[in-house]
Amino acid sequence: MTARDVMAKSILDAGRNMGALAHHSAKTFEGKIVEFQLHDLKAAGYSIIHESEIHGARKFEKGERVTKISGSSWTGRVVGFYSTKLTPIGYCVESENEPGSVQIYPEAAIRALPDGGVAVDIGHD
């Protein structure tokens, strides 16, 4: 289930329980809905953190030029980040050869590449 699906279901469930929440002020009611959404997202395995919370832990920043270390080649710029249980720090890399095409890689799979530098396979398989 996507995060959007979890949140939509949570809002619908809160709507069904409107009577139990009716005694709350509007601000408290909104807060309760947010609490339900956060609870449901966490139960579904999602973590919600602000980008600044992992800023120091990342090796590469948005806009930085990177290339894959081994296997098929992929060189481009970091355009975003992702995190899963298996990949706590991952990067979304937009290809410089195929603009608009993005691949995701764990931090260990890519290395920095200077602007204007050429990606060379150095045989780290």
PDB file of N, CA and C in Angstrom:
ATOM      1  N   MET A   1       0.843  -1.165   0.000  1.00  0.00           N
ATOM      2  CA  MET A   1       0.000   0.000   0.000  1.00  0.00           C
ATOM      3  C   MET A   1       0.899   1.241   0.000  1.00  0.00           C
ATOM      4  N   THR A   2       0.624   2.188  -0.881  1.00  0.00           N
ATOM      5  CA  THR A   2       1.437   3.404  -0.930  1.00  0.00           C
ATOM      6  C   THR A   2       1.124   4.294   0.265  1.00  0.00           C
ATOM      7  N   ALA A   3       2.019   5.229   0.539  1.00  0.00           N
ATOM      8  CA  ALA A   3       1.793   6.178   1.641  1.00  0.00           C
ATOM      9  C   ALA A   3       0.515   6.963   1.398  1.00  0.00           C
ATOM     10  N   ARG A   4       0.256   7.316   0.149  1.00  0.00           N
ATOM     11  CA  ARG A   4      -0.975   8.055  -0.185  1.00  0.00           C
ATOM     12  C   ARG A   4      -2.206   7.215   0.165  1.00  0.00           C
ATOM     13  N   ASP A   5      -2.159   5.925  -0.147  1.00  0.00           N
ATOM     14  CA  ASP A   5      -3.284   5.030   0.170  1.00  0.00           C
ATOM     15  C   ASP A   5      -3.488   4.921   1.681  1.00  0.00           C
ATOM     16  N   VAL A   6      -2.387   4.803   2.420  1.00  0.00           N
ATOM     17  CA  VAL A   6      -2.474   4.703   3.877  1.00  0.00           C
ATOM     18  C   VAL A   6      -3.125   5.968   4.445  1.00  0.00           C
ATOM     19  N   MET A   7      -2.684   7.130   3.954  1.00  0.00           N
ATOM     20  CA  MET A   7      -3.220   8.387   4.462  1.00  0.00           C
ATOM     21  C   MET A   7      -4.705   8.548   4.106  1.00  0.00           C
ATOM     22  N   ALA A   8      -5.071   8.181   2.903  1.00  0.00           N
ATOM     23  CA  ALA A   8      -6.484   8.282   2.498  1.00  0.00           C
ATOM     24  C   ALA A   8      -7.356   7.378   3.360  1.00  0.00           C
ATOM     25  N   LYS A   9      -6.898   6.162   3.595  1.00  0.00           N
ATOM     26  CA  LYS A   9      -7.661   5.243   4.439  1.00  0.00           C
ATOM     27  C   LYS A   9      -7.779   5.792   5.853  1.00  0.00           C
ATOM     28  N   SER A  10      -6.706   6.365   6.371  1.00  0.00           N
ATOM     29  CA  SER A  10      -6.703   6.927   7.714  1.00  0.00           C
ATOM     30  C   SER A  10      -7.714   8.065   7.832  1.00  0.00           C
ATOM     31  N   ILE A  11      -7.786   8.910   6.815  1.00  0.00           N
ATOM     32  CA  ILE A  11      -8.764  10.014   6.824  1.00  0.00           C
ATOM     33  C   ILE A  11     -10.179   9.466   6.785  1.00  0.00           C
ATOM     34  N   LEU A  12     -10.399   8.446   5.959  1.00  0.00           N
ATOM     35  CA  LEU A  12     -11.736   7.833   5.895  1.00  0.00           C
ATOM     36  C   LEU A  12     -12.106   7.209   7.237  1.00  0.00           C
ATOM     37  N   ASP A  13     -11.151   6.522   7.865  1.00  0.00           N
ATOM     38  CA  ASP A  13     -11.416   5.920   9.176  1.00  0.00           C
ATOM     39  C   ASP A  13     -11.725   6.993  10.215  1.00  0.00           C
ATOM     40  N   ALA A  14     -10.992   8.110  10.163  1.00  0.00           N
ATOM     41  CA  ALA A  14     -11.254   9.207  11.103  1.00  0.00           C
ATOM     42  C   ALA A  14     -12.653   9.768  10.864  1.00  0.00           C
ATOM     43  N   GLY A  15     -13.052   9.858   9.593  1.00  0.00           N
ATOM     44  CA  GLY A  15     -14.401  10.330   9.264  1.00  0.00           C
ATOM     45  C   GLY A  15     -15.472   9.412   9.823  1.00  0.00           C
ATOM     46  N   ARG A  16     -15.220   8.122   9.785  1.00  0.00           N
ATOM     47  CA  ARG A  16     -16.178   7.155  10.335  1.00  0.00           C
ATOM     48  C   ARG A  16     -16.282   7.285  11.857  1.00  0.00           C
ATOM     49  N   ASN A  17     -15.189   7.730  12.480  1.00  0.00           N
ATOM     50  CA  ASN A  17     -15.168   7.887  13.934  1.00  0.00           C
ATOM     51  C   ASN A  17     -15.423   9.330  14.362  1.00  0.00           C
ATOM     52  N   MET A  18     -16.002  10.115  13.478  1.00  0.00           N
ATOM     53  CA  MET A  18     -16.239  11.531  13.718  1.00  0.00           C
ATOM     54  C   MET A  18     -16.974  11.780  15.034  1.00  0.00           C
ATOM     55  N   GLY A  19     -17.943  10.955  15.359  1.00  0.00           N
ATOM     56  CA  GLY A  19     -18.718  11.144  16.585  1.00  0.00           C
ATOM     57  C   GLY A  19     -17.842  11.110  17.821  1.00  0.00           C
ATOM     58  N   ALA A  20     -16.906  10.183  17.855  1.00  0.00           N
ATOM     59  CA  ALA A  20     -16.025  10.055  19.014  1.00  0.00           C
ATOM     60  C   ALA A  20     -15.067  11.241  19.115  1.00  0.00           C
ATOM     61  N   LEU A  21     -14.818  11.896  17.984  1.00  0.00           N
ATOM     62  CA  LEU A  21     -13.880  13.016  17.976  1.00  0.00           C
ATOM     63  C   LEU A  21     -14.583  14.373  18.025  1.00  0.00           C
ATOM     64  N   ALA A  22     -15.896  14.386  17.944  1.00  0.00           N
ATOM     65  CA  ALA A  22     -16.656  15.621  17.817  1.00  0.00           C
ATOM     66  C   ALA A  22     -16.458  16.581  18.984  1.00  0.00           C
ATOM     67  N   HIS A  23     -16.170  16.087  20.157  1.00  0.00           N
ATOM     68  CA  HIS A  23     -16.021  16.959  21.318  1.00  0.00           C
ATOM     69  C   HIS A  23     -14.711  17.748  21.312  1.00  0.00           C
ATOM     70  N   HIS A  24     -13.802  17.470  20.379  1.00  0.00           N
ATOM     71  CA  HIS A  24     -12.533  18.182  20.287  1.00  0.00           C
ATOM     72  C   HIS A  24     -12.712  19.489  19.516  1.00  0.00           C
ATOM     73  N   SER A  25     -11.888  20.488  19.816  1.00  0.00           N
ATOM     74  CA  SER A  25     -11.887  21.723  19.034  1.00  0.00           C
ATOM     75  C   SER A  25     -11.376  21.398  17.632  1.00  0.00           C
ATOM     76  N   ALA A  26     -11.560  22.335  16.695  1.00  0.00           N
ATOM     77  CA  ALA A  26     -11.128  22.101  15.308  1.00  0.00           C
ATOM     78  C   ALA A  26      -9.626  21.822  15.250  1.00  0.00           C
ATOM     79  N   LYS A  27      -8.840  22.584  16.011  1.00  0.00           N
ATOM     80  CA  LYS A  27      -7.389  22.389  15.992  1.00  0.00           C
ATOM     81  C   LYS A  27      -7.030  21.022  16.563  1.00  0.00           C
ATOM     82  N   THR A  28      -7.671  20.636  17.660  1.00  0.00           N
ATOM     83  CA  THR A  28      -7.409  19.332  18.259  1.00  0.00           C
ATOM     84  C   THR A  28      -7.873  18.229  17.322  1.00  0.00           C
ATOM     85  N   PHE A  29      -9.005  18.424  16.654  1.00  0.00           N
ATOM     86  CA  PHE A  29      -9.530  17.440  15.717  1.00  0.00           C
ATOM     87  C   PHE A  29      -8.530  17.198  14.591  1.00  0.00           C
ATOM     88  N   GLU A  30      -7.989  18.303  14.030  1.00  0.00           N
ATOM     89  CA  GLU A  30      -6.976  18.165  12.977  1.00  0.00           C
ATOM     90  C   GLU A  30      -5.757  17.415  13.510  1.00  0.00           C
ATOM     91  N   GLY A  31      -5.370  17.734  14.745  1.00  0.00           N
ATOM     92  CA  GLY A  31      -4.235  17.053  15.362  1.00  0.00           C
ATOM     93  C   GLY A  31      -4.486  15.569  15.521  1.00  0.00           C
ATOM     94  N   LYS A  32      -5.724  15.202  15.870  1.00  0.00           N
ATOM     95  CA  LYS A  32      -6.076  13.781  16.016  1.00  0.00           C
ATOM     96  C   LYS A  32      -5.983  13.065  14.669  1.00  0.00           C
ATOM     97  N   ILE A  33      -6.454  13.715  13.612  1.00  0.00           N
ATOM     98  CA  ILE A  33      -6.365  13.102  12.281  1.00  0.00           C
ATOM     99  C   ILE A  33      -4.901  12.877  11.917  1.00  0.00           C
ATOM    100  N   VAL A  34      -4.057  13.867  12.191  1.00  0.00           N
ATOM    101  CA  VAL A  34      -2.625  13.723  11.908  1.00  0.00           C
ATOM    102  C   VAL A  34      -2.043  12.581  12.732  1.00  0.00           C
ATOM    103  N   GLU A  35      -2.421  12.484  13.993  1.00  0.00           N
ATOM    104  CA  GLU A  35      -1.946  11.378  14.838  1.00  0.00           C
ATOM    105  C   GLU A  35      -2.342  10.034  14.235  1.00  0.00           C
ATOM    106  N   PHE A  36      -3.596   9.928  13.769  1.00  0.00           N
ATOM    107  CA  PHE A  36      -4.057   8.683  13.145  1.00  0.00           C
ATOM    108  C   PHE A  36      -3.231   8.376  11.904  1.00  0.00           C
ATOM    109  N   GLN A  37      -2.975   9.403  11.082  1.00  0.00           N
ATOM    110  CA  GLN A  37      -2.211   9.187   9.854  1.00  0.00           C
ATOM    111  C   GLN A  37      -0.787   8.732  10.170  1.00  0.00           C
ATOM    112  N   LEU A  38      -0.137   9.402  11.114  1.00  0.00           N
ATOM    113  CA  LEU A  38       1.228   9.012  11.478  1.00  0.00           C
ATOM    114  C   LEU A  38       1.262   7.597  12.036  1.00  0.00           C
ATOM    115  N   HIS A  39       0.291   7.271  12.873  1.00  0.00           N
ATOM    116  CA  HIS A  39       0.213   5.925  13.440  1.00  0.00           C
ATOM    117  C   HIS A  39       0.050   4.886  12.326  1.00  0.00           C
ATOM    118  N   ASP A  40      -0.870   5.148  11.404  1.00  0.00           N
ATOM    119  CA  ASP A  40      -1.133   4.198  10.321  1.00  0.00           C
ATOM    120  C   ASP A  40       0.054   4.069   9.372  1.00  0.00           C
ATOM    121  N   LEU A  41       0.731   5.180   9.085  1.00  0.00           N
ATOM    122  CA  LEU A  41       1.923   5.118   8.232  1.00  0.00           C
ATOM    123  C   LEU A  41       3.023   4.297   8.899  1.00  0.00           C
ATOM    124  N   LYS A  42       3.235   4.524  10.196  1.00  0.00           N
ATOM    125  CA  LYS A  42       4.259   3.769  10.918  1.00  0.00           C
ATOM    126  C   LYS A  42       3.909   2.286  10.944  1.00  0.00           C
ATOM    127  N   ALA A  43       2.624   1.970  11.175  1.00  0.00           N
ATOM    128  CA  ALA A  43       2.186   0.577  11.200  1.00  0.00           C
ATOM    129  C   ALA A  43       2.394  -0.098   9.846  1.00  0.00           C
ATOM    130  N   ALA A  44       2.335   0.698   8.760  1.00  0.00           N
ATOM    131  CA  ALA A  44       2.540   0.161   7.413  1.00  0.00           C
ATOM    132  C   ALA A  44       4.019   0.105   7.039  1.00  0.00           C
ATOM    133  N   GLY A  45       4.908   0.518   7.967  1.00  0.00           N
ATOM    134  CA  GLY A  45       6.345   0.405   7.712  1.00  0.00           C
ATOM    135  C   GLY A  45       7.010   1.666   7.204  1.00  0.00           C
ATOM    136  N   TYR A  46       6.293   2.791   7.170  1.00  0.00           N
ATOM    137  CA  TYR A  46       6.879   4.038   6.693  1.00  0.00           C
ATOM    138  C   TYR A  46       7.525   4.799   7.845  1.00  0.00           C
ATOM    139  N   SER A  47       8.600   5.523   7.532  1.00  0.00           N
ATOM    140  CA  SER A  47       9.230   6.429   8.481  1.00  0.00           C
ATOM    141  C   SER A  47       9.109   7.831   7.913  1.00  0.00           C
ATOM    142  N   ILE A  48       8.805   8.770   8.761  1.00  0.00           N
ATOM    143  CA  ILE A  48       8.686  10.148   8.305  1.00  0.00           C
ATOM    144  C   ILE A  48       9.738  10.963   9.036  1.00  0.00           C
ATOM    145  N   ILE A  49      10.686  11.467   8.250  1.00  0.00           N
ATOM    146  CA  ILE A  49      11.725  12.305   8.817  1.00  0.00           C
ATOM    147  C   ILE A  49      11.942  13.477   7.875  1.00  0.00           C
ATOM    148  N   HIS A  50      12.376  14.569   8.424  1.00  0.00           N
ATOM    149  CA  HIS A  50      12.683  15.740   7.605  1.00  0.00           C
ATOM    150  C   HIS A  50      14.051  15.537   6.975  1.00  0.00           C
ATOM    151  N   GLU A  51      14.212  16.047   5.771  1.00  0.00           N
ATOM    152  CA  GLU A  51      15.469  15.895   5.050  1.00  0.00           C
ATOM    153  C   GLU A  51      16.658  16.364   5.884  1.00  0.00           C
ATOM    154  N   SER A  52      16.468  17.402   6.694  1.00  0.00           N
ATOM    155  CA  SER A  52      17.566  17.928   7.500  1.00  0.00           C
ATOM    156  C   SER A  52      18.031  16.939   8.572  1.00  0.00           C
ATOM    157  N   GLU A  53      17.176  15.973   8.926  1.00  0.00           N
ATOM    158  CA  GLU A  53      17.537  15.010   9.951  1.00  0.00           C
ATOM    159  C   GLU A  53      18.600  14.013   9.487  1.00  0.00           C
ATOM    160  N   ILE A  54      18.740  13.822   8.181  1.00  0.00           N
ATOM    161  CA  ILE A  54      19.757  12.904   7.677  1.00  0.00           C
ATOM    162  C   ILE A  54      20.816  13.631   6.862  1.00  0.00           C
ATOM    163  N   HIS A  55      20.763  14.952   6.894  1.00  0.00           N
ATOM    164  CA  HIS A  55      21.686  15.761   6.097  1.00  0.00           C
ATOM    165  C   HIS A  55      23.147  15.381   6.340  1.00  0.00           C
ATOM    166  N   GLY A  56      23.544  15.275   7.574  1.00  0.00           N
ATOM    167  CA  GLY A  56      24.932  14.973   7.875  1.00  0.00           C
ATOM    168  C   GLY A  56      25.328  13.537   7.582  1.00  0.00           C
ATOM    169  N   ALA A  57      24.360  12.645   7.491  1.00  0.00           N
ATOM    170  CA  ALA A  57      24.657  11.232   7.291  1.00  0.00           C
ATOM    171  C   ALA A  57      24.903  10.893   5.828  1.00  0.00           C
ATOM    172  N   ARG A  58      24.465  11.745   4.923  1.00  0.00           N
ATOM    173  CA  ARG A  58      24.613  11.450   3.498  1.00  0.00           C
ATOM    174  C   ARG A  58      25.992  11.829   2.978  1.00  0.00           C
ATOM    175  N   LYS A  59      26.472  11.025   2.062  1.00  0.00           N
ATOM    176  CA  LYS A  59      27.766  11.266   1.432  1.00  0.00           C
ATOM    177  C   LYS A  59      27.647  12.252   0.270  1.00  0.00           C
ATOM    178  N   PHE A  60      26.495  12.255  -0.422  1.00  0.00           N
ATOM    179  CA  PHE A  60      26.288  13.097  -1.600  1.00  0.00           C
ATOM    180  C   PHE A  60      25.077  14.003  -1.382  1.00  0.00           C
ATOM    181  N   GLU A  61      25.109  15.172  -1.996  1.00  0.00           N
ATOM    182  CA  GLU A  61      24.015  16.142  -1.872  1.00  0.00           C
ATOM    183  C   GLU A  61      23.293  16.299  -3.208  1.00  0.00           C
ATOM    184  N   LYS A  62      22.099  16.896  -3.162  1.00  0.00           N
ATOM    185  CA  LYS A  62      21.358  17.172  -4.396  1.00  0.00           C
ATOM    186  C   LYS A  62      22.229  17.998  -5.328  1.00  0.00           C
ATOM    187  N   GLY A  63      22.177  17.641  -6.601  1.00  0.00           N
ATOM    188  CA  GLY A  63      22.938  18.364  -7.610  1.00  0.00           C
ATOM    189  C   GLY A  63      24.340  17.832  -7.828  1.00  0.00           C
ATOM    190  N   GLU A  64      24.819  16.983  -6.919  1.00  0.00           N
ATOM    191  CA  GLU A  64      26.174  16.457  -7.047  1.00  0.00           C
ATOM    192  C   GLU A  64      26.230  15.429  -8.180  1.00  0.00           C
ATOM    193  N   ARG A  65      27.320  15.461  -8.936  1.00  0.00           N
ATOM    194  CA  ARG A  65      27.515  14.530 -10.048  1.00  0.00           C
ATOM    195  C   ARG A  65      28.111  13.240  -9.512  1.00  0.00           C
ATOM    196  N   VAL A  66      27.489  12.103  -9.857  1.00  0.00           N
ATOM    197  CA  VAL A  66      27.931  10.788  -9.386  1.00  0.00           C
ATOM    198  C   VAL A  66      27.894   9.793 -10.533  1.00  0.00           C
ATOM    199  N   THR A  67      28.557   8.650 -10.314  1.00  0.00           N
ATOM    200  CA  THR A  67      28.526   7.573 -11.289  1.00  0.00           C
ATOM    201  C   THR A  67      28.497   6.239 -10.549  1.00  0.00           C
ATOM    202  N   LYS A  68      27.938   5.225 -11.198  1.00  0.00           N
ATOM    203  CA  LYS A  68      27.939   3.892 -10.600  1.00  0.00           C
ATOM    204  C   LYS A  68      29.354   3.358 -10.526  1.00  0.00           C
ATOM    205  N   ILE A  69      29.609   2.576  -9.497  1.00  0.00           N
ATOM    206  CA  ILE A  69      30.943   2.027  -9.274  1.00  0.00           C
ATOM    207  C   ILE A  69      31.196   0.799 -10.142  1.00  0.00           C
ATOM    208  N   SER A  70      30.191  -0.063 -10.323  1.00  0.00           N
ATOM    209  CA  SER A  70      30.407  -1.285 -11.094  1.00  0.00           C
ATOM    210  C   SER A  70      29.139  -1.667 -11.840  1.00  0.00           C
ATOM    211  N   GLY A  71      29.271  -2.668 -12.695  1.00  0.00           N
ATOM    212  CA  GLY A  71      28.126  -3.133 -13.481  1.00  0.00           C
ATOM    213  C   GLY A  71      27.804  -2.167 -14.598  1.00  0.00           C
ATOM    214  N   SER A  72      26.521  -2.079 -14.939  1.00  0.00           N
ATOM    215  CA  SER A  72      26.121  -1.171 -16.011  1.00  0.00           C
ATOM    216  C   SER A  72      26.465   0.262 -15.612  1.00  0.00           C
ATOM    217  N   SER A  73      26.753   1.093 -16.607  1.00  0.00           N
ATOM    218  CA  SER A  73      27.162   2.462 -16.290  1.00  0.00           C
ATOM    219  C   SER A  73      25.946   3.372 -16.139  1.00  0.00           C
ATOM    220  N   TRP A  74      26.066   4.338 -15.265  1.00  0.00           N
ATOM    221  CA  TRP A  74      25.022   5.333 -15.045  1.00  0.00           C
ATOM    222  C   TRP A  74      25.689   6.530 -14.405  1.00  0.00           C
ATOM    223  N   THR A  75      25.716   7.626 -15.110  1.00  0.00           N
ATOM    224  CA  THR A  75      26.318   8.857 -14.616  1.00  0.00           C
ATOM    225  C   THR A  75      25.278   9.951 -14.662  1.00  0.00           C
ATOM    226  N   GLY A  76      25.206  10.733 -13.609  1.00  0.00           N
ATOM    227  CA  GLY A  76      24.245  11.821 -13.586  1.00  0.00           C
ATOM    228  C   GLY A  76      24.331  12.618 -12.301  1.00  0.00           C
ATOM    229  N   ARG A  77      23.254  13.317 -12.009  1.00  0.00           N
ATOM    230  CA  ARG A  77      23.186  14.177 -10.825  1.00  0.00           C
ATOM    231  C   ARG A  77      22.185  13.639  -9.822  1.00  0.00           C
ATOM    232  N   VAL A  78      22.512  13.776  -8.545  1.00  0.00           N
ATOM    233  CA  VAL A  78      21.597  13.386  -7.481  1.00  0.00           C
ATOM    234  C   VAL A  78      20.415  14.355  -7.518  1.00  0.00           C
ATOM    235  N   VAL A  79      19.208  13.802  -7.650  1.00  0.00           N
ATOM    236  CA  VAL A  79      18.001  14.637  -7.690  1.00  0.00           C
ATOM    237  C   VAL A  79      17.067  14.364  -6.514  1.00  0.00           C
ATOM    238  N   GLY A  80      17.391  13.358  -5.710  1.00  0.00           N
ATOM    239  CA  GLY A  80      16.547  13.052  -4.562  1.00  0.00           C
ATOM    240  C   GLY A  80      17.140  11.933  -3.735  1.00  0.00           C
ATOM    241  N   PHE A  81      16.402  11.579  -2.699  1.00  0.00           N
ATOM    242  CA  PHE A  81      16.875  10.586  -1.746  1.00  0.00           C
ATOM    243  C   PHE A  81      15.750   9.612  -1.432  1.00  0.00           C
ATOM    244  N   TYR A  82      16.109   8.424  -0.977  1.00  0.00           N
ATOM    245  CA  TYR A  82      15.110   7.470  -0.505  1.00  0.00           C
ATOM    246  C   TYR A  82      15.712   6.656   0.621  1.00  0.00           C
ATOM    247  N   SER A  83      14.851   5.981   1.343  1.00  0.00           N
ATOM    248  CA  SER A  83      15.303   5.165   2.457  1.00  0.00           C
ATOM    249  C   SER A  83      14.355   3.991   2.632  1.00  0.00           C
ATOM    250  N   THR A  84      14.907   2.796   2.797  1.00  0.00           N
ATOM    251  CA  THR A  84      14.123   1.596   3.093  1.00  0.00           C
ATOM    252  C   THR A  84      14.832   0.869   4.230  1.00  0.00           C
ATOM    253  N   LYS A  85      14.241  -0.206   4.697  1.00  0.00           N
ATOM    254  CA  LYS A  85      14.897  -0.976   5.755  1.00  0.00           C
ATOM    255  C   LYS A  85      16.230  -1.539   5.267  1.00  0.00           C
ATOM    256  N   LEU A  86      16.291  -1.988   4.024  1.00  0.00           N
ATOM    257  CA  LEU A  86      17.531  -2.553   3.483  1.00  0.00           C
ATOM    258  C   LEU A  86      18.513  -1.491   2.998  1.00  0.00           C
ATOM    259  N   THR A  87      17.998  -0.327   2.616  1.00  0.00           N
ATOM    260  CA  THR A  87      18.840   0.753   2.111  1.00  0.00           C
ATOM    261  C   THR A  87      18.531   2.023   2.890  1.00  0.00           C
ATOM    262  N   PRO A  88      19.178   2.212   4.033  1.00  0.00           N
ATOM    263  CA  PRO A  88      18.855   3.381   4.846  1.00  0.00           C
ATOM    264  C   PRO A  88      19.205   4.704   4.172  1.00  0.00           C
ATOM    265  N   ILE A  89      20.238   4.708   3.319  1.00  0.00           N
ATOM    266  CA  ILE A  89      20.603   5.927   2.597  1.00  0.00           C
ATOM    267  C   ILE A  89      20.717   5.588   1.121  1.00  0.00           C
ATOM    268  N   GLY A  90      19.744   6.062   0.350  1.00  0.00           N
ATOM    269  CA  GLY A  90      19.728   5.801  -1.080  1.00  0.00           C
ATOM    270  C   GLY A  90      19.575   7.096  -1.862  1.00  0.00           C
ATOM    271  N   TYR A  91      19.957   7.054  -3.127  1.00  0.00           N
ATOM    272  CA  TYR A  91      19.969   8.243  -3.969  1.00  0.00           C
ATOM    273  C   TYR A  91      19.180   8.018  -5.254  1.00  0.00           C
ATOM    274  N   CYS A  92      18.496   9.054  -5.692  1.00  0.00           N
ATOM    275  CA  CYS A  92      17.825   9.076  -6.990  1.00  0.00           C
ATOM    276  C   CYS A  92      18.754   9.858  -7.910  1.00  0.00           C
ATOM    277  N   VAL A  93      19.198   9.214  -8.988  1.00  0.00           N
ATOM    278  CA  VAL A  93      20.190   9.821  -9.873  1.00  0.00           C
ATOM    279  C   VAL A  93      19.593   9.960 -11.267  1.00  0.00           C
ATOM    280  N   GLU A  94      19.527  11.222 -11.750  1.00  0.00           N
ATOM    281  CA  GLU A  94      19.030  11.479 -13.101  1.00  0.00           C
ATOM    282  C   GLU A  94      20.191  11.397 -14.079  1.00  0.00           C
ATOM    283  N   SER A  95      20.007  10.619 -15.128  1.00  0.00           N
ATOM    284  CA  SER A  95      21.055  10.412 -16.127  1.00  0.00           C
ATOM    285  C   SER A  95      21.398  11.706 -16.858  1.00  0.00           C
ATOM    286  N   GLU A  96      22.686  11.916 -17.073  1.00  0.00           N
ATOM    287  CA  GLU A  96      23.077  13.067 -17.886  1.00  0.00           C
ATOM    288  C   GLU A  96      22.998  12.744 -19.374  1.00  0.00           C
ATOM    289  N   ASN A  97      22.929  11.449 -19.714  1.00  0.00           N
ATOM    290  CA  ASN A  97      22.818  11.041 -21.111  1.00  0.00           C
ATOM    291  C   ASN A  97      21.372  10.893 -21.564  1.00  0.00           C
ATOM    292  N   GLU A  98      20.489  10.607 -20.631  1.00  0.00           N
ATOM    293  CA  GLU A  98      19.061  10.443 -20.915  1.00  0.00           C
ATOM    294  C   GLU A  98      18.272  11.327 -19.945  1.00  0.00           C
ATOM    295  N   PRO A  99      18.223  12.647 -20.170  1.00  0.00           N
ATOM    296  CA  PRO A  99      17.532  13.550 -19.241  1.00  0.00           C
ATOM    297  C   PRO A  99      16.099  13.087 -18.950  1.00  0.00           C
ATOM    298  N   GLY A 100      15.745  13.121 -17.686  1.00  0.00           N
ATOM    299  CA  GLY A 100      14.420  12.682 -17.252  1.00  0.00           C
ATOM    300  C   GLY A 100      14.392  11.235 -16.794  1.00  0.00           C
ATOM    301  N   SER A 101      15.426  10.479 -17.119  1.00  0.00           N
ATOM    302  CA  SER A 101      15.501   9.083 -16.721  1.00  0.00           C
ATOM    303  C   SER A 101      16.247   8.993 -15.394  1.00  0.00           C
ATOM    304  N   VAL A 102      15.592   8.376 -14.401  1.00  0.00           N
ATOM    305  CA  VAL A 102      16.153   8.321 -13.052  1.00  0.00           C
ATOM    306  C   VAL A 102      16.284   6.871 -12.591  1.00  0.00           C
ATOM    307  N   GLN A 103      17.397   6.570 -11.940  1.00  0.00           N
ATOM    308  CA  GLN A 103      17.613   5.271 -11.306  1.00  0.00           C
ATOM    309  C   GLN A 103      17.885   5.524  -9.829  1.00  0.00           C
ATOM    310  N   ILE A 104      17.589   4.516  -8.998  1.00  0.00           N
ATOM    311  CA  ILE A 104      17.889   4.639  -7.574  1.00  0.00           C
ATOM    312  C   ILE A 104      19.020   3.684  -7.210  1.00  0.00           C
ATOM    313  N   TYR A 105      19.912   4.167  -6.323  1.00  0.00           N
ATOM    314  CA  TYR A 105      21.072   3.383  -5.924  1.00  0.00           C
ATOM    315  C   TYR A 105      21.364   3.572  -4.442  1.00  0.00           C
ATOM    316  N   PRO A 106      21.808   2.511  -3.776  1.00  0.00           N
ATOM    317  CA  PRO A 106      22.296   2.686  -2.404  1.00  0.00           C
ATOM    318  C   PRO A 106      23.613   3.452  -2.447  1.00  0.00           C
ATOM    319  N   GLU A 107      23.950   4.075  -1.339  1.00  0.00           N
ATOM    320  CA  GLU A 107      25.157   4.898  -1.276  1.00  0.00           C
ATOM    321  C   GLU A 107      26.417   4.139  -1.698  1.00  0.00           C
ATOM    322  N   ALA A 108      26.506   2.862  -1.329  1.00  0.00           N
ATOM    323  CA  ALA A 108      27.706   2.077  -1.629  1.00  0.00           C
ATOM    324  C   ALA A 108      27.875   1.801  -3.125  1.00  0.00           C
ATOM    325  N   ALA A 109      26.851   2.032  -3.932  1.00  0.00           N
ATOM    326  CA  ALA A 109      26.916   1.699  -5.359  1.00  0.00           C
ATOM    327  C   ALA A 109      27.382   2.855  -6.239  1.00  0.00           C
ATOM    328  N   ILE A 110      27.562   4.043  -5.648  1.00  0.00           N
ATOM    329  CA  ILE A 110      27.947   5.199  -6.464  1.00  0.00           C
ATOM    330  C   ILE A 110      29.147   5.911  -5.837  1.00  0.00           C
ATOM    331  N   ARG A 111      29.820   6.702  -6.676  1.00  0.00           N
ATOM    332  CA  ARG A 111      30.935   7.517  -6.198  1.00  0.00           C
ATOM    333  C   ARG A 111      30.823   8.895  -6.834  1.00  0.00           C
ATOM    334  N   ALA A 112      31.455   9.868  -6.193  1.00  0.00           N
ATOM    335  CA  ALA A 112      31.451  11.235  -6.714  1.00  0.00           C
ATOM    336  C   ALA A 112      32.242  11.291  -8.005  1.00  0.00           C
ATOM    337  N   LEU A 113      31.798  12.177  -8.894  1.00  0.00           N
ATOM    338  CA  LEU A 113      32.494  12.393 -10.157  1.00  0.00           C
ATOM    339  C   LEU A 113      32.581  13.898 -10.352  1.00  0.00           C
ATOM    340  N   PRO A 114      33.785  14.424 -10.523  1.00  0.00           N
ATOM    341  CA  PRO A 114      33.918  15.874 -10.688  1.00  0.00           C
ATOM    342  C   PRO A 114      33.149  16.365 -11.909  1.00  0.00           C
ATOM    343  N   ASP A 115      32.669  17.590 -11.850  1.00  0.00           N
ATOM    344  CA  ASP A 115      32.008  18.182 -13.019  1.00  0.00           C
ATOM    345  C   ASP A 115      32.968  18.143 -14.190  1.00  0.00           C
ATOM    346  N   GLY A 116      32.476  17.655 -15.332  1.00  0.00           N
ATOM    347  CA  GLY A 116      33.304  17.576 -16.524  1.00  0.00           C
ATOM    348  C   GLY A 116      34.170  16.331 -16.577  1.00  0.00           C
ATOM    349  N   GLY A 117      34.236  15.571 -15.470  1.00  0.00           N
ATOM    350  CA  GLY A 117      35.025  14.343 -15.454  1.00  0.00           C
ATOM    351  C   GLY A 117      34.347  13.252 -16.267  1.00  0.00           C
ATOM    352  N   VAL A 118      35.108  12.252 -16.635  1.00  0.00           N
ATOM    353  CA  VAL A 118      34.590  11.137 -17.416  1.00  0.00           C
ATOM    354  C   VAL A 118      34.521   9.913 -16.524  1.00  0.00           C
ATOM    355  N   ALA A 119      33.387   9.209 -16.577  1.00  0.00           N
ATOM    356  CA  ALA A 119      33.241   7.988 -15.795  1.00  0.00           C
ATOM    357  C   ALA A 119      34.056   6.886 -16.447  1.00  0.00           C
ATOM    358  N   VAL A 120      34.927   6.245 -15.665  1.00  0.00           N
ATOM    359  CA  VAL A 120      35.765   5.166 -16.179  1.00  0.00           C
ATOM    360  C   VAL A 120      35.522   3.949 -15.302  1.00  0.00           C
ATOM    361  N   ASP A 121      35.255   2.799 -15.925  1.00  0.00           N
ATOM    362  CA  ASP A 121      35.069   1.563 -15.158  1.00  0.00           C
ATOM    363  C   ASP A 121      36.425   1.113 -14.657  1.00  0.00           C
ATOM    364  N   ILE A 122      36.582   1.076 -13.329  1.00  0.00           N
ATOM    365  CA  ILE A 122      37.865   0.700 -12.745  1.00  0.00           C
ATOM    366  C   ILE A 122      37.856  -0.731 -12.234  1.00  0.00           C
ATOM    367  N   GLY A 123      36.842  -1.506 -12.640  1.00  0.00           N
ATOM    368  CA  GLY A 123      36.826  -2.924 -12.354  1.00  0.00           C
ATOM    369  C   GLY A 123      36.573  -3.328 -10.927  1.00  0.00           C
ATOM    370  N   HIS A 124      35.723  -2.641 -10.211  1.00  0.00           N
ATOM    371  CA  HIS A 124      35.369  -3.006  -8.835  1.00  0.00           C
ATOM    372  C   HIS A 124      34.087  -3.839  -8.832  1.00  0.00           C
ATOM    373  N   ASP A 125      34.143  -5.049  -9.254  1.00  0.00           N
ATOM    374  CA  ASP A 125      32.948  -5.922  -9.262  1.00  0.00           C
ATOM    375  C   ASP A 125      32.847  -6.696  -8.033  1.00  0.00           C
TER     376      ASP A 125
END
